[in-house]
Amino acid sequence: MKAWLGAAALMTTACAADAATWTIIGAEGTTSTHTADGVTADAGDRWVTGLMTDGGTPYARQLTFTMTGRFDAVGFDFTPVRWNYQICTEDLTTGETVTCESNTYDNVLVQGIRDGGIIATSTFRMIDLAEIGMTGRYTFADEFQNLDALLIGFTPVPWPIDPGKYANCGNPCSQFYVNRLDLKSPDIPAPVPLPASLPLLSAALAGLMGLRQRRRT
């Protein structure tokens, strides 16, 4: 009975350890990598500060996340900081700008990588999920599972091809903070929900008690 309870405790501990949460807490802001809860973020030749920008700063344009072994991507929390993408119209005769109107595009890129190849790709507009200064959450689709690496970055800024129109946004066009990233190991079974585990434990204990009584008789 003690052995069975010990095994149950180990199973509970293992199940609780299948999730990892990366946050920017503790990052120095002047290094290209930051590790938290076993998850490493790599910004290449830029800085890891949590702030991501599509240009004009030394901060990350993309972050590549890895951990020991493969993992499933669950979701990440983010806060939009800047959105300044406009489509402007100019007078083709004088070259002067006539109007500029705010516009949108899918600015955030996420990619799942396995064995060196991209197996999952998705894009979204950050301001569709959260307003500037507010926190939103992106949830990964099912294909972002059993990954070696996860990339969060930006899509290329779209430039109009129509005569007399051009994109204007300054530099950068968009920025957002990655507040936290949730990953989980695909190798560890999901924990049994508590309401279901209690009857299983009771049944197991009853079975052990019955076996003990039969041995006495």
N, C-alpha and C. Protein backbone atom coordinates (compact mmCIF):
# COMPACT_ATOMS: atom_id res chain seq x y z
N MET A 1 0.83 -1.20 0.00
CA MET A 1 0.00 0.00 0.00
C MET A 1 0.86 1.26 0.00
N LYS A 2 1.94 1.25 0.83
CA LYS A 2 2.84 2.38 0.87
C LYS A 2 3.50 2.59 -0.49
N ALA A 3 3.84 1.47 -1.14
CA ALA A 3 4.47 1.57 -2.45
C ALA A 3 3.53 2.19 -3.47
N TRP A 4 2.24 1.79 -3.39
CA TRP A 4 1.27 2.33 -4.34
C TRP A 4 1.08 3.83 -4.13
N LEU A 5 0.98 4.26 -2.86
CA LEU A 5 0.82 5.67 -2.57
C LEU A 5 2.04 6.46 -3.01
N GLY A 6 3.22 5.86 -2.85
CA GLY A 6 4.44 6.54 -3.29
C GLY A 6 4.45 6.74 -4.79
N ALA A 7 4.01 5.72 -5.52
CA ALA A 7 3.94 5.83 -6.97
C ALA A 7 2.95 6.90 -7.39
N ALA A 8 1.82 6.97 -6.67
CA ALA A 8 0.82 7.99 -6.98
C ALA A 8 1.38 9.39 -6.74
N ALA A 9 2.15 9.54 -5.68
CA ALA A 9 2.75 10.84 -5.39
C ALA A 9 3.74 11.23 -6.46
N LEU A 10 4.53 10.27 -6.94
CA LEU A 10 5.48 10.55 -7.99
C LEU A 10 4.77 10.95 -9.27
N MET A 11 3.65 10.27 -9.58
CA MET A 11 2.90 10.60 -10.77
C MET A 11 2.37 12.02 -10.68
N THR A 12 1.86 12.41 -9.51
CA THR A 12 1.33 13.75 -9.32
C THR A 12 2.42 14.78 -9.50
N THR A 13 3.59 14.50 -8.94
CA THR A 13 4.70 15.43 -9.07
C THR A 13 5.12 15.59 -10.52
N ALA A 14 5.20 14.47 -11.26
CA ALA A 14 5.61 14.53 -12.66
C ALA A 14 4.61 15.30 -13.49
N CYS A 15 3.32 15.10 -13.23
CA CYS A 15 2.30 15.78 -14.00
C CYS A 15 2.35 17.28 -13.75
N ALA A 16 2.64 17.67 -12.51
CA ALA A 16 2.69 19.08 -12.18
C ALA A 16 3.88 19.75 -12.84
N ALA A 17 4.90 18.96 -13.21
CA ALA A 17 6.12 19.53 -13.78
C ALA A 17 6.10 19.58 -15.29
N ASP A 18 4.96 19.24 -15.93
CA ASP A 18 4.95 19.15 -17.38
C ASP A 18 4.80 20.51 -18.04
N ALA A 19 4.53 21.57 -17.27
CA ALA A 19 4.33 22.89 -17.83
C ALA A 19 5.50 23.80 -17.49
N ALA A 20 5.83 24.70 -18.40
CA ALA A 20 6.89 25.68 -18.17
C ALA A 20 6.38 27.05 -18.60
N THR A 21 6.72 28.07 -17.82
CA THR A 21 6.30 29.43 -18.12
C THR A 21 7.51 30.34 -18.22
N TRP A 22 7.72 30.93 -19.39
CA TRP A 22 8.82 31.87 -19.59
C TRP A 22 8.30 33.28 -19.35
N THR A 23 9.02 34.06 -18.55
CA THR A 23 8.71 35.47 -18.36
C THR A 23 10.00 36.27 -18.50
N ILE A 24 9.85 37.58 -18.63
CA ILE A 24 11.00 38.46 -18.79
C ILE A 24 11.63 38.82 -17.46
N ILE A 25 11.03 38.40 -16.36
CA ILE A 25 11.53 38.75 -15.03
C ILE A 25 12.98 38.28 -14.87
N GLY A 26 13.84 39.19 -14.48
CA GLY A 26 15.24 38.85 -14.26
C GLY A 26 16.15 39.09 -15.45
N ALA A 27 15.58 39.45 -16.60
CA ALA A 27 16.42 39.70 -17.77
C ALA A 27 17.21 40.99 -17.59
N GLU A 28 18.47 40.98 -18.01
CA GLU A 28 19.32 42.15 -17.86
C GLU A 28 19.03 43.23 -18.91
N GLY A 29 18.49 42.85 -20.03
CA GLY A 29 18.16 43.82 -21.07
C GLY A 29 19.31 44.18 -21.97
N THR A 30 20.49 43.61 -21.73
CA THR A 30 21.65 43.90 -22.58
C THR A 30 22.28 42.61 -23.11
N THR A 31 21.55 41.50 -23.02
CA THR A 31 22.05 40.23 -23.52
C THR A 31 21.08 39.68 -24.57
N SER A 32 21.57 38.77 -25.37
CA SER A 32 20.76 38.24 -26.47
C SER A 32 19.97 37.00 -26.09
N THR A 33 20.17 36.47 -24.87
CA THR A 33 19.41 35.31 -24.42
C THR A 33 18.91 35.53 -23.00
N HIS A 34 17.83 34.85 -22.68
CA HIS A 34 17.29 34.90 -21.32
C HIS A 34 16.57 33.59 -21.05
N THR A 35 16.91 32.93 -19.93
CA THR A 35 16.30 31.65 -19.57
C THR A 35 15.46 31.81 -18.32
N ALA A 36 14.24 31.27 -18.36
CA ALA A 36 13.35 31.28 -17.21
C ALA A 36 12.54 30.00 -17.22
N ASP A 37 12.50 29.32 -16.08
CA ASP A 37 11.74 28.08 -15.91
C ASP A 37 12.11 27.04 -16.97
N GLY A 38 13.39 26.97 -17.32
CA GLY A 38 13.86 25.98 -18.27
C GLY A 38 13.64 26.32 -19.72
N VAL A 39 13.08 27.51 -20.00
CA VAL A 39 12.82 27.95 -21.37
C VAL A 39 13.80 29.07 -21.72
N THR A 40 14.50 28.94 -22.84
CA THR A 40 15.47 29.94 -23.27
C THR A 40 14.95 30.72 -24.46
N ALA A 41 15.01 32.05 -24.37
CA ALA A 41 14.66 32.93 -25.48
C ALA A 41 15.94 33.47 -26.09
N ASP A 42 16.05 33.41 -27.41
CA ASP A 42 17.24 33.86 -28.13
C ASP A 42 16.82 34.94 -29.13
N ALA A 43 17.44 36.12 -29.00
CA ALA A 43 17.11 37.24 -29.88
C ALA A 43 18.12 37.43 -31.00
N GLY A 44 19.02 36.47 -31.18
CA GLY A 44 20.04 36.60 -32.22
C GLY A 44 21.05 37.66 -31.85
N ASP A 45 21.19 38.70 -32.69
CA ASP A 45 22.16 39.76 -32.42
C ASP A 45 21.52 40.97 -31.73
N ARG A 46 20.33 40.78 -31.17
CA ARG A 46 19.63 41.88 -30.50
C ARG A 46 19.43 41.56 -29.02
N TRP A 47 18.73 42.43 -28.30
CA TRP A 47 18.59 42.30 -26.86
C TRP A 47 17.25 41.68 -26.49
N VAL A 48 17.27 40.89 -25.44
CA VAL A 48 16.03 40.32 -24.89
C VAL A 48 15.58 41.20 -23.73
N THR A 49 14.50 41.92 -23.93
CA THR A 49 13.94 42.76 -22.87
C THR A 49 12.45 42.52 -22.69
N GLY A 50 11.88 41.68 -23.52
CA GLY A 50 10.43 41.50 -23.53
C GLY A 50 9.78 42.37 -24.59
N LEU A 51 10.40 43.54 -24.88
CA LEU A 51 9.87 44.43 -25.92
C LEU A 51 10.34 43.94 -27.28
N MET A 52 9.38 43.75 -28.17
CA MET A 52 9.69 43.35 -29.54
C MET A 52 9.31 44.48 -30.49
N THR A 53 10.16 44.73 -31.46
CA THR A 53 9.97 45.85 -32.37
C THR A 53 10.36 45.45 -33.78
N ASP A 54 9.65 45.97 -34.77
CA ASP A 54 9.94 45.57 -36.15
C ASP A 54 10.98 46.47 -36.83
N GLY A 55 11.69 47.26 -36.04
CA GLY A 55 12.78 48.06 -36.61
C GLY A 55 13.07 49.30 -35.78
N GLY A 56 14.25 49.88 -36.02
CA GLY A 56 14.58 51.16 -35.42
C GLY A 56 15.12 51.13 -34.00
N THR A 57 15.25 49.96 -33.39
CA THR A 57 15.75 49.85 -32.02
C THR A 57 16.67 48.63 -31.93
N PRO A 58 17.44 48.53 -30.83
CA PRO A 58 18.29 47.34 -30.65
C PRO A 58 17.54 46.15 -30.06
N TYR A 59 16.23 46.30 -29.85
CA TYR A 59 15.46 45.23 -29.23
C TYR A 59 15.05 44.17 -30.26
N ALA A 60 14.58 43.06 -29.76
CA ALA A 60 14.37 41.88 -30.60
C ALA A 60 13.33 42.11 -31.69
N ARG A 61 13.67 41.67 -32.89
CA ARG A 61 12.69 41.59 -33.97
C ARG A 61 12.00 40.23 -33.96
N GLN A 62 12.69 39.25 -33.44
CA GLN A 62 12.09 37.93 -33.26
C GLN A 62 12.78 37.25 -32.08
N LEU A 63 12.03 36.36 -31.44
CA LEU A 63 12.57 35.55 -30.35
C LEU A 63 12.35 34.08 -30.70
N THR A 64 13.39 33.29 -30.53
CA THR A 64 13.30 31.85 -30.74
C THR A 64 13.40 31.17 -29.39
N PHE A 65 12.37 30.39 -29.05
CA PHE A 65 12.28 29.75 -27.74
C PHE A 65 12.59 28.26 -27.85
N THR A 66 13.40 27.76 -26.93
CA THR A 66 13.73 26.34 -26.87
C THR A 66 13.74 25.90 -25.41
N MET A 67 13.65 24.59 -25.20
CA MET A 67 13.80 24.00 -23.88
C MET A 67 14.39 22.61 -24.05
N THR A 68 14.75 21.97 -22.96
CA THR A 68 15.32 20.63 -23.05
C THR A 68 14.24 19.66 -23.53
N GLY A 69 14.46 19.06 -24.68
CA GLY A 69 13.46 18.16 -25.24
C GLY A 69 12.39 18.91 -26.00
N ARG A 70 11.50 18.17 -26.59
CA ARG A 70 10.42 18.77 -27.36
C ARG A 70 9.29 19.27 -26.46
N PHE A 71 8.44 20.12 -27.04
CA PHE A 71 7.39 20.73 -26.24
C PHE A 71 6.21 21.09 -27.13
N ASP A 72 5.07 21.33 -26.48
CA ASP A 72 3.88 21.87 -27.14
C ASP A 72 3.76 23.34 -26.76
N ALA A 73 3.43 24.19 -27.72
CA ALA A 73 3.19 25.60 -27.45
C ALA A 73 1.73 25.79 -27.06
N VAL A 74 1.50 26.41 -25.91
CA VAL A 74 0.14 26.59 -25.39
C VAL A 74 -0.39 27.97 -25.75
N GLY A 75 0.31 29.02 -25.35
CA GLY A 75 -0.13 30.38 -25.64
C GLY A 75 0.81 31.40 -25.03
N PHE A 76 0.62 32.67 -25.38
CA PHE A 76 1.44 33.71 -24.76
C PHE A 76 0.62 34.99 -24.56
N ASP A 77 0.97 35.71 -23.48
CA ASP A 77 0.36 37.00 -23.16
C ASP A 77 1.24 38.11 -23.72
N PHE A 78 0.62 39.14 -24.26
CA PHE A 78 1.38 40.24 -24.85
C PHE A 78 0.64 41.56 -24.65
N THR A 79 1.39 42.65 -24.74
CA THR A 79 0.82 43.99 -24.61
C THR A 79 1.27 44.85 -25.78
N PRO A 80 0.36 45.26 -26.67
CA PRO A 80 0.73 46.17 -27.75
C PRO A 80 1.19 47.52 -27.21
N VAL A 81 2.27 48.06 -27.78
CA VAL A 81 2.83 49.33 -27.34
C VAL A 81 2.69 50.41 -28.43
N ARG A 82 2.88 50.01 -29.66
CA ARG A 82 2.86 51.00 -30.75
C ARG A 82 2.23 50.40 -32.00
N TRP A 83 1.34 51.18 -32.63
CA TRP A 83 0.80 50.82 -33.93
C TRP A 83 0.66 52.11 -34.73
N ASN A 84 1.42 52.23 -35.80
CA ASN A 84 1.45 53.49 -36.53
C ASN A 84 1.58 53.26 -38.04
N TYR A 85 0.79 52.33 -38.55
CA TYR A 85 0.85 51.99 -39.97
C TYR A 85 -0.21 52.78 -40.73
N GLN A 86 0.21 53.53 -41.73
CA GLN A 86 -0.70 54.34 -42.53
C GLN A 86 -0.44 54.10 -44.02
N ILE A 87 -1.51 54.24 -44.80
CA ILE A 87 -1.40 54.26 -46.25
C ILE A 87 -1.66 55.69 -46.70
N CYS A 88 -0.68 56.26 -47.37
CA CYS A 88 -0.77 57.66 -47.80
C CYS A 88 -0.94 57.75 -49.31
N THR A 89 -1.62 58.80 -49.72
CA THR A 89 -1.81 59.09 -51.15
C THR A 89 -1.11 60.39 -51.47
N GLU A 90 -0.38 60.39 -52.58
CA GLU A 90 0.32 61.61 -52.97
C GLU A 90 -0.12 62.07 -54.35
N ASP A 91 0.03 63.33 -54.58
CA ASP A 91 -0.26 63.91 -55.88
C ASP A 91 0.89 63.56 -56.82
N LEU A 92 0.59 62.80 -57.87
CA LEU A 92 1.63 62.34 -58.78
C LEU A 92 2.27 63.49 -59.55
N THR A 93 1.57 64.61 -59.61
CA THR A 93 2.12 65.76 -60.34
C THR A 93 3.10 66.54 -59.48
N THR A 94 2.70 66.81 -58.25
CA THR A 94 3.54 67.63 -57.36
C THR A 94 4.39 66.79 -56.41
N GLY A 95 3.97 65.53 -56.19
CA GLY A 95 4.68 64.68 -55.23
C GLY A 95 4.31 64.95 -53.79
N GLU A 96 3.34 65.83 -53.57
CA GLU A 96 2.92 66.17 -52.22
C GLU A 96 1.91 65.15 -51.69
N THR A 97 1.98 64.90 -50.40
CA THR A 97 1.04 63.97 -49.77
C THR A 97 -0.32 64.63 -49.64
N VAL A 98 -1.36 63.90 -50.05
CA VAL A 98 -2.71 64.43 -50.00
C VAL A 98 -3.41 63.96 -48.74
N THR A 99 -3.41 62.64 -48.52
CA THR A 99 -4.07 62.08 -47.33
C THR A 99 -3.24 60.91 -46.78
N CYS A 100 -3.39 60.66 -45.49
CA CYS A 100 -2.83 59.47 -44.84
C CYS A 100 -3.91 58.88 -43.95
N GLU A 101 -4.16 57.59 -44.10
CA GLU A 101 -5.19 56.92 -43.32
C GLU A 101 -4.60 55.72 -42.60
N SER A 102 -5.01 55.54 -41.35
CA SER A 102 -4.55 54.39 -40.57
C SER A 102 -5.02 53.10 -41.22
N ASN A 103 -4.17 52.10 -41.20
CA ASN A 103 -4.50 50.83 -41.83
C ASN A 103 -3.99 49.69 -40.96
N THR A 104 -4.35 48.48 -41.31
CA THR A 104 -3.94 47.32 -40.51
C THR A 104 -3.40 46.21 -41.41
N TYR A 105 -2.68 45.32 -40.80
CA TYR A 105 -2.22 44.10 -41.46
C TYR A 105 -1.83 43.10 -40.38
N ASP A 106 -1.68 41.85 -40.74
CA ASP A 106 -1.24 40.84 -39.78
C ASP A 106 0.24 41.06 -39.49
N ASN A 107 0.54 41.66 -38.34
CA ASN A 107 1.93 42.05 -38.08
C ASN A 107 2.71 41.04 -37.26
N VAL A 108 2.04 40.10 -36.59
CA VAL A 108 2.74 39.14 -35.73
C VAL A 108 2.84 37.79 -36.43
N LEU A 109 4.03 37.22 -36.40
CA LEU A 109 4.30 35.92 -37.02
C LEU A 109 4.71 34.92 -35.94
N VAL A 110 4.11 33.73 -35.97
CA VAL A 110 4.54 32.64 -35.08
C VAL A 110 4.81 31.41 -35.93
N GLN A 111 5.89 30.70 -35.61
CA GLN A 111 6.27 29.51 -36.37
C GLN A 111 6.74 28.41 -35.43
N GLY A 112 6.29 27.19 -35.71
CA GLY A 112 6.75 26.02 -34.98
C GLY A 112 7.80 25.28 -35.79
N ILE A 113 8.88 24.87 -35.14
CA ILE A 113 10.02 24.25 -35.82
C ILE A 113 10.29 22.87 -35.24
N ARG A 114 10.50 21.91 -36.13
CA ARG A 114 10.86 20.55 -35.72
C ARG A 114 11.88 19.99 -36.71
N ASP A 115 12.95 19.40 -36.16
CA ASP A 115 14.01 18.82 -37.00
C ASP A 115 14.54 19.83 -38.02
N GLY A 116 14.63 21.09 -37.61
CA GLY A 116 15.19 22.12 -38.47
C GLY A 116 14.26 22.68 -39.52
N GLY A 117 13.02 22.18 -39.59
CA GLY A 117 12.07 22.66 -40.58
C GLY A 117 10.85 23.30 -39.93
N ILE A 118 10.22 24.22 -40.63
CA ILE A 118 9.01 24.88 -40.15
C ILE A 118 7.81 23.97 -40.42
N ILE A 119 7.10 23.58 -39.37
CA ILE A 119 5.96 22.69 -39.53
C ILE A 119 4.63 23.40 -39.29
N ALA A 120 4.67 24.61 -38.72
CA ALA A 120 3.43 25.34 -38.45
C ALA A 120 3.72 26.83 -38.53
N THR A 121 2.82 27.57 -39.17
CA THR A 121 2.96 29.02 -39.32
C THR A 121 1.60 29.67 -39.15
N SER A 122 1.58 30.80 -38.45
CA SER A 122 0.34 31.55 -38.30
C SER A 122 0.68 33.03 -38.14
N THR A 123 -0.24 33.90 -38.54
CA THR A 123 -0.07 35.34 -38.37
C THR A 123 -1.35 35.92 -37.78
N PHE A 124 -1.22 37.06 -37.12
CA PHE A 124 -2.40 37.74 -36.59
C PHE A 124 -2.09 39.22 -36.38
N ARG A 125 -3.14 40.03 -36.29
CA ARG A 125 -3.01 41.45 -35.97
C ARG A 125 -3.08 41.61 -34.46
N MET A 126 -2.05 42.15 -33.88
CA MET A 126 -2.02 42.26 -32.42
C MET A 126 -3.16 43.12 -31.89
N ILE A 127 -3.54 44.17 -32.64
CA ILE A 127 -4.58 45.07 -32.14
C ILE A 127 -5.97 44.46 -32.29
N ASP A 128 -6.08 43.29 -32.92
CA ASP A 128 -7.36 42.58 -32.93
C ASP A 128 -7.60 41.89 -31.59
N LEU A 129 -6.52 41.56 -30.88
CA LEU A 129 -6.63 40.83 -29.61
C LEU A 129 -6.48 41.72 -28.39
N ALA A 130 -5.89 42.89 -28.55
CA ALA A 130 -5.72 43.80 -27.42
C ALA A 130 -5.46 45.21 -27.92
N GLU A 131 -6.03 46.19 -27.22
CA GLU A 131 -5.76 47.58 -27.55
C GLU A 131 -4.38 47.98 -27.04
N ILE A 132 -3.89 49.11 -27.53
CA ILE A 132 -2.59 49.62 -27.08
C ILE A 132 -2.61 49.79 -25.56
N GLY A 133 -1.60 49.23 -24.90
CA GLY A 133 -1.50 49.35 -23.45
C GLY A 133 -2.27 48.30 -22.67
N MET A 134 -3.07 47.49 -23.36
CA MET A 134 -3.83 46.43 -22.70
C MET A 134 -3.18 45.08 -23.00
N THR A 135 -3.49 44.09 -22.16
CA THR A 135 -2.89 42.77 -22.32
C THR A 135 -3.85 41.82 -23.04
N GLY A 136 -3.34 41.15 -24.04
CA GLY A 136 -4.12 40.15 -24.77
C GLY A 136 -3.42 38.80 -24.70
N ARG A 137 -4.08 37.77 -25.18
CA ARG A 137 -3.50 36.43 -25.18
C ARG A 137 -3.73 35.76 -26.52
N TYR A 138 -2.68 35.15 -27.03
CA TYR A 138 -2.76 34.36 -28.25
C TYR A 138 -2.63 32.89 -27.88
N THR A 139 -3.55 32.06 -28.38
CA THR A 139 -3.54 30.63 -28.13
C THR A 139 -3.11 29.90 -29.40
N PHE A 140 -2.13 29.02 -29.26
CA PHE A 140 -1.60 28.31 -30.42
C PHE A 140 -2.55 27.21 -30.88
N ALA A 141 -2.58 26.99 -32.18
CA ALA A 141 -3.38 25.92 -32.77
C ALA A 141 -2.72 24.57 -32.50
N ASP A 142 -3.47 23.51 -32.79
CA ASP A 142 -3.01 22.15 -32.46
C ASP A 142 -1.73 21.76 -33.19
N GLU A 143 -1.46 22.36 -34.35
CA GLU A 143 -0.26 21.96 -35.08
C GLU A 143 1.04 22.44 -34.42
N PHE A 144 0.93 23.31 -33.42
CA PHE A 144 2.12 23.78 -32.70
C PHE A 144 2.44 22.82 -31.55
N GLN A 145 2.64 21.56 -31.88
CA GLN A 145 2.93 20.54 -30.89
C GLN A 145 4.18 19.75 -31.28
N ASN A 146 4.81 19.17 -30.25
CA ASN A 146 6.00 18.34 -30.46
C ASN A 146 7.09 19.13 -31.20
N LEU A 147 7.38 20.32 -30.70
CA LEU A 147 8.31 21.24 -31.35
C LEU A 147 9.71 21.15 -30.74
N ASP A 148 10.70 21.49 -31.56
CA ASP A 148 12.06 21.71 -31.08
C ASP A 148 12.29 23.18 -30.75
N ALA A 149 11.58 24.06 -31.45
CA ALA A 149 11.75 25.50 -31.25
C ALA A 149 10.47 26.22 -31.66
N LEU A 150 10.27 27.39 -31.08
CA LEU A 150 9.12 28.23 -31.40
C LEU A 150 9.62 29.64 -31.68
N LEU A 151 9.18 30.23 -32.77
CA LEU A 151 9.58 31.59 -33.13
C LEU A 151 8.39 32.53 -33.01
N ILE A 152 8.60 33.67 -32.35
CA ILE A 152 7.63 34.76 -32.31
C ILE A 152 8.32 35.99 -32.89
N GLY A 153 7.72 36.59 -33.91
CA GLY A 153 8.35 37.74 -34.54
C GLY A 153 7.34 38.56 -35.32
N PHE A 154 7.81 39.20 -36.38
CA PHE A 154 6.99 40.10 -37.18
C PHE A 154 6.93 39.63 -38.63
N THR A 155 5.83 39.94 -39.28
CA THR A 155 5.73 39.77 -40.72
C THR A 155 6.35 41.00 -41.40
N PRO A 156 6.74 40.88 -42.67
CA PRO A 156 7.24 42.07 -43.39
C PRO A 156 6.15 43.14 -43.49
N VAL A 157 6.55 44.39 -43.36
CA VAL A 157 5.60 45.50 -43.50
C VAL A 157 5.16 45.58 -44.96
N PRO A 158 3.84 45.53 -45.23
CA PRO A 158 3.38 45.57 -46.63
C PRO A 158 3.47 46.98 -47.21
N TRP A 159 4.00 47.07 -48.40
CA TRP A 159 4.10 48.36 -49.09
C TRP A 159 3.19 48.36 -50.30
N PRO A 160 2.35 49.40 -50.44
CA PRO A 160 1.41 49.44 -51.57
C PRO A 160 2.14 49.46 -52.91
N ILE A 161 1.53 48.83 -53.90
CA ILE A 161 2.11 48.83 -55.25
C ILE A 161 1.32 49.76 -56.18
N ASP A 162 0.22 50.33 -55.66
CA ASP A 162 -0.57 51.24 -56.48
C ASP A 162 0.17 52.55 -56.69
N PRO A 163 0.15 53.09 -57.90
CA PRO A 163 0.79 54.39 -58.15
C PRO A 163 0.18 55.48 -57.27
N GLY A 164 1.02 56.31 -56.71
CA GLY A 164 0.52 57.42 -55.91
C GLY A 164 0.23 57.06 -54.47
N LYS A 165 0.54 55.82 -54.05
CA LYS A 165 0.31 55.42 -52.67
C LYS A 165 1.59 54.86 -52.06
N TYR A 166 1.75 55.09 -50.78
CA TYR A 166 2.93 54.57 -50.08
C TYR A 166 2.58 54.33 -48.62
N ALA A 167 3.36 53.50 -47.97
CA ALA A 167 3.16 53.20 -46.55
C ALA A 167 3.99 54.17 -45.71
N ASN A 168 3.40 54.62 -44.63
CA ASN A 168 4.08 55.53 -43.73
C ASN A 168 3.83 55.07 -42.29
N CYS A 169 4.90 54.83 -41.55
CA CYS A 169 4.69 54.43 -40.16
C CYS A 169 5.85 54.83 -39.27
N GLY A 170 6.84 55.50 -39.83
CA GLY A 170 8.01 55.78 -39.02
C GLY A 170 8.78 54.48 -38.81
N ASN A 171 9.60 54.46 -37.82
CA ASN A 171 10.41 53.27 -37.57
C ASN A 171 10.55 53.11 -36.06
N PRO A 172 9.86 52.17 -35.44
CA PRO A 172 9.16 51.02 -36.04
C PRO A 172 7.69 51.31 -36.38
N CYS A 173 7.10 50.35 -37.08
CA CYS A 173 5.66 50.39 -37.35
C CYS A 173 4.87 49.87 -36.16
N SER A 174 5.37 48.80 -35.54
CA SER A 174 4.63 48.20 -34.42
C SER A 174 5.60 47.65 -33.38
N GLN A 175 5.14 47.66 -32.14
CA GLN A 175 5.90 47.12 -31.01
C GLN A 175 4.93 46.44 -30.05
N PHE A 176 5.42 45.41 -29.38
CA PHE A 176 4.63 44.80 -28.32
C PHE A 176 5.56 44.12 -27.32
N TYR A 177 5.07 43.97 -26.10
CA TYR A 177 5.78 43.24 -25.06
C TYR A 177 5.30 41.79 -25.02
N VAL A 178 6.23 40.86 -24.92
CA VAL A 178 5.88 39.47 -24.60
C VAL A 178 5.96 39.35 -23.08
N ASN A 179 4.83 39.19 -22.44
CA ASN A 179 4.78 39.16 -20.97
C ASN A 179 5.09 37.78 -20.41
N ARG A 180 4.52 36.75 -21.03
CA ARG A 180 4.77 35.38 -20.60
C ARG A 180 4.44 34.42 -21.74
N LEU A 181 5.13 33.29 -21.73
CA LEU A 181 4.91 32.25 -22.73
C LEU A 181 4.72 30.93 -22.00
N ASP A 182 3.67 30.21 -22.35
CA ASP A 182 3.36 28.94 -21.70
C ASP A 182 3.63 27.78 -22.67
N LEU A 183 4.49 26.86 -22.22
CA LEU A 183 4.81 25.65 -22.97
C LEU A 183 4.54 24.45 -22.09
N LYS A 184 4.41 23.27 -22.70
CA LYS A 184 4.28 22.05 -21.91
C LYS A 184 4.97 20.90 -22.63
N SER A 185 5.41 19.94 -21.86
CA SER A 185 6.08 18.79 -22.43
C SER A 185 5.07 17.83 -23.03
N PRO A 186 5.32 17.33 -24.25
CA PRO A 186 4.40 16.35 -24.84
C PRO A 186 4.67 14.94 -24.35
N ASP A 187 5.75 14.75 -23.59
CA ASP A 187 6.17 13.40 -23.19
C ASP A 187 5.55 12.95 -21.87
N ILE A 188 4.96 13.88 -21.11
CA ILE A 188 4.41 13.55 -19.81
C ILE A 188 2.89 13.52 -19.91
N PRO A 189 2.22 12.45 -19.46
CA PRO A 189 0.76 12.38 -19.55
C PRO A 189 0.11 13.52 -18.80
N ALA A 190 -1.05 13.94 -19.30
CA ALA A 190 -1.79 14.99 -18.61
C ALA A 190 -2.29 14.47 -17.27
N PRO A 191 -2.32 15.33 -16.24
CA PRO A 191 -2.77 14.88 -14.93
C PRO A 191 -4.25 14.51 -14.94
N VAL A 192 -4.63 13.53 -14.11
CA VAL A 192 -6.03 13.15 -13.98
C VAL A 192 -6.75 14.23 -13.20
N PRO A 193 -7.89 14.76 -13.71
CA PRO A 193 -8.61 15.78 -12.97
C PRO A 193 -8.97 15.30 -11.58
N LEU A 194 -8.96 16.20 -10.61
CA LEU A 194 -9.16 15.84 -9.21
C LEU A 194 -10.48 15.11 -8.97
N PRO A 195 -11.62 15.57 -9.51
CA PRO A 195 -12.86 14.84 -9.24
C PRO A 195 -12.82 13.39 -9.71
N ALA A 196 -12.07 13.10 -10.78
CA ALA A 196 -11.98 11.73 -11.26
C ALA A 196 -10.95 10.94 -10.48
N SER A 197 -9.90 11.60 -10.00
CA SER A 197 -8.82 10.88 -9.32
C SER A 197 -9.24 10.40 -7.94
N LEU A 198 -10.16 11.11 -7.30
CA LEU A 198 -10.58 10.69 -5.96
C LEU A 198 -11.29 9.34 -5.98
N PRO A 199 -12.26 9.11 -6.88
CA PRO A 199 -12.86 7.77 -6.94
C PRO A 199 -11.86 6.69 -7.28
N LEU A 200 -10.90 7.00 -8.17
CA LEU A 200 -9.89 6.01 -8.52
C LEU A 200 -9.06 5.64 -7.30
N LEU A 201 -8.70 6.64 -6.49
CA LEU A 201 -7.92 6.38 -5.30
C LEU A 201 -8.71 5.54 -4.31
N SER A 202 -10.00 5.88 -4.14
CA SER A 202 -10.85 5.12 -3.22
C SER A 202 -10.98 3.67 -3.67
N ALA A 203 -11.17 3.47 -4.98
CA ALA A 203 -11.32 2.11 -5.49
C ALA A 203 -10.04 1.32 -5.29
N ALA A 204 -8.90 1.97 -5.51
CA ALA A 204 -7.62 1.28 -5.34
C ALA A 204 -7.40 0.88 -3.89
N LEU A 205 -7.72 1.80 -2.97
CA LEU A 205 -7.55 1.49 -1.55
C LEU A 205 -8.48 0.37 -1.12
N ALA A 206 -9.72 0.39 -1.64
CA ALA A 206 -10.66 -0.68 -1.30
C ALA A 206 -10.15 -2.02 -1.81
N GLY A 207 -9.58 -2.02 -3.02
CA GLY A 207 -9.04 -3.25 -3.56
C GLY A 207 -7.89 -3.78 -2.73
N LEU A 208 -7.03 -2.90 -2.27
CA LEU A 208 -5.90 -3.32 -1.45
C LEU A 208 -6.37 -3.88 -0.11
N MET A 209 -7.39 -3.24 0.47
CA MET A 209 -7.91 -3.73 1.75
C MET A 209 -8.54 -5.10 1.57
N GLY A 210 -9.27 -5.29 0.44
CA GLY A 210 -9.87 -6.59 0.20
C GLY A 210 -8.82 -7.67 0.02
N LEU A 211 -7.75 -7.35 -0.68
CA LEU A 211 -6.66 -8.30 -0.88
C LEU A 211 -6.02 -8.66 0.45
N ARG A 212 -5.89 -7.68 1.32
CA ARG A 212 -5.27 -7.92 2.63
C ARG A 212 -6.13 -8.86 3.47
N GLN A 213 -7.47 -8.66 3.40
CA GLN A 213 -8.37 -9.51 4.17
C GLN A 213 -8.34 -10.95 3.65
N ARG A 214 -8.28 -11.12 2.33
CA ARG A 214 -8.25 -12.47 1.76
C ARG A 214 -6.97 -13.19 2.17
N ARG A 215 -5.88 -12.46 2.26
CA ARG A 215 -4.63 -13.09 2.68
C ARG A 215 -4.72 -13.57 4.13
N ARG A 216 -5.42 -12.85 4.98
CA ARG A 216 -5.56 -13.25 6.38
C ARG A 216 -6.40 -14.51 6.52
N THR A 217 -7.42 -14.65 5.65
CA THR A 217 -8.27 -15.83 5.75
C THR A 217 -7.62 -17.02 5.06
